[in-house]
């Protein structure tokens, strides 16, 4: 978890499925909000943990 990221923990999973929730237990049980960096899943419906593709994260961090 980094203060530079606004209190958000980032977890990386090489997943291509909508079942990414089952693979993100660290973020789900963390006291912080979380981002799961995935291969190609984009899901922001969950209030606590969101799945964002690594390509999108790289684009956002580069700017």
C-alpha atoms as a PDB file:
ATOM      1  CA  UNK A   1       0.000   0.000   0.000  1.00  0.00           C
ATOM      2  CA  UNK A   2       1.358   3.392  -0.919  1.00  0.00           C
ATOM      3  CA  UNK A   3       0.385   6.826   0.315  1.00  0.00           C
ATOM      4  CA  UNK A   4       1.210   8.060  -3.199  1.00  0.00           C
ATOM      5  CA  UNK A   5      -1.631   5.904  -4.477  1.00  0.00           C
ATOM      6  CA  UNK A   6      -4.193   7.374  -2.091  1.00  0.00           C
ATOM      7  CA  UNK A   7      -4.350   4.409   0.273  1.00  0.00           C
ATOM      8  CA  UNK A   8      -5.045   1.846  -2.453  1.00  0.00           C
ATOM      9  CA  UNK A   9      -3.393  -1.578  -2.453  1.00  0.00           C
ATOM     10  CA  UNK A  10      -2.504  -3.051  -5.850  1.00  0.00           C
ATOM     11  CA  UNK A  11      -2.480  -6.803  -6.454  1.00  0.00           C
ATOM     12  CA  UNK A  12      -1.486  -8.435  -9.734  1.00  0.00           C
ATOM     13  CA  UNK A  13      -3.186 -11.506 -11.194  1.00  0.00           C
ATOM     14  CA  UNK A  14      -2.684 -13.007 -14.648  1.00  0.00           C
ATOM     15  CA  UNK A  15      -6.357 -13.694 -15.237  1.00  0.00           C
ATOM     16  CA  UNK A  16      -8.595 -13.421 -18.252  1.00  0.00           C
ATOM     17  CA  UNK A  17     -11.885 -14.330 -16.634  1.00  0.00           C
ATOM     18  CA  UNK A  18     -14.756 -12.585 -14.943  1.00  0.00           C
ATOM     19  CA  UNK A  19     -14.031 -14.811 -11.910  1.00  0.00           C
ATOM     20  CA  UNK A  20     -11.189 -12.540 -10.796  1.00  0.00           C
ATOM     21  CA  UNK A  21     -12.887 -12.032  -7.392  1.00  0.00           C
ATOM     22  CA  UNK A  22     -11.922 -15.535  -6.281  1.00  0.00           C
ATOM     23  CA  UNK A  23      -8.279 -14.778  -7.108  1.00  0.00           C
ATOM     24  CA  UNK A  24      -8.111 -11.453  -5.258  1.00  0.00           C
ATOM     25  CA  UNK A  25      -8.471 -12.508  -1.625  1.00  0.00           C
ATOM     26  CA  UNK A  26      -5.620 -10.243  -0.461  1.00  0.00           C
ATOM     27  CA  UNK A  27      -7.372  -7.132  -1.747  1.00  0.00           C
ATOM     28  CA  UNK A  28     -10.819  -8.247  -0.624  1.00  0.00           C
ATOM     29  CA  UNK A  29      -9.746  -8.838   2.987  1.00  0.00           C
ATOM     30  CA  UNK A  30      -7.460  -5.805   3.181  1.00  0.00           C
ATOM     31  CA  UNK A  31      -8.460  -2.764   5.205  1.00  0.00           C
ATOM     32  CA  UNK A  32      -7.725  -0.604   2.153  1.00  0.00           C
ATOM     33  CA  UNK A  33      -9.497  -0.316  -1.151  1.00  0.00           C
ATOM     34  CA  UNK A  34      -7.820  -2.392  -3.805  1.00  0.00           C
ATOM     35  CA  UNK A  35      -7.020  -2.639  -7.482  1.00  0.00           C
ATOM     36  CA  UNK A  36      -6.381  -6.018  -9.059  1.00  0.00           C
ATOM     37  CA  UNK A  37      -4.165  -5.643 -12.111  1.00  0.00           C
ATOM     38  CA  UNK A  38      -5.415  -8.242 -14.613  1.00  0.00           C
ATOM     39  CA  UNK A  39      -4.501  -9.315 -18.114  1.00  0.00           C
ATOM     40  CA  UNK A  40      -7.701  -8.114 -19.776  1.00  0.00           C
ATOM     41  CA  UNK A  41     -10.498  -7.753 -17.193  1.00  0.00           C
ATOM     42  CA  UNK A  42     -12.027  -4.334 -16.493  1.00  0.00           C
ATOM     43  CA  UNK A  43     -14.601  -4.350 -13.685  1.00  0.00           C
ATOM     44  CA  UNK A  44     -15.288  -1.332 -11.483  1.00  0.00           C
ATOM     45  CA  UNK A  45     -18.678  -2.394 -10.086  1.00  0.00           C
ATOM     46  CA  UNK A  46     -17.308  -3.444  -6.673  1.00  0.00           C
ATOM     47  CA  UNK A  47     -16.972  -0.606  -4.139  1.00  0.00           C
ATOM     48  CA  UNK A  48     -13.890  -2.064  -2.416  1.00  0.00           C
ATOM     49  CA  UNK A  49     -11.883  -3.903  -5.065  1.00  0.00           C
ATOM     50  CA  UNK A  50     -11.717  -3.135  -8.768  1.00  0.00           C
ATOM     51  CA  UNK A  51     -10.144  -5.070 -11.655  1.00  0.00           C
ATOM     52  CA  UNK A  52      -8.228  -3.004 -14.189  1.00  0.00           C
ATOM     53  CA  UNK A  53      -6.108  -4.335 -17.036  1.00  0.00           C
ATOM     54  CA  UNK A  54      -2.360  -3.877 -16.759  1.00  0.00           C
ATOM     55  CA  UNK A  55      -2.310  -1.940 -20.019  1.00  0.00           C
ATOM     56  CA  UNK A  56      -4.782   0.600 -18.644  1.00  0.00           C
ATOM     57  CA  UNK A  57      -2.828   0.908 -15.379  1.00  0.00           C
ATOM     58  CA  UNK A  58       0.426   1.463 -17.280  1.00  0.00           C
ATOM     59  CA  UNK A  59      -1.260   4.199 -19.319  1.00  0.00           C
ATOM     60  CA  UNK A  60      -2.645   5.893 -16.196  1.00  0.00           C
ATOM     61  CA  UNK A  61       0.643   5.725 -14.257  1.00  0.00           C
ATOM     62  CA  UNK A  62       2.660   7.033 -17.202  1.00  0.00           C
ATOM     63  CA  UNK A  63       0.749  10.307 -17.336  1.00  0.00           C
END
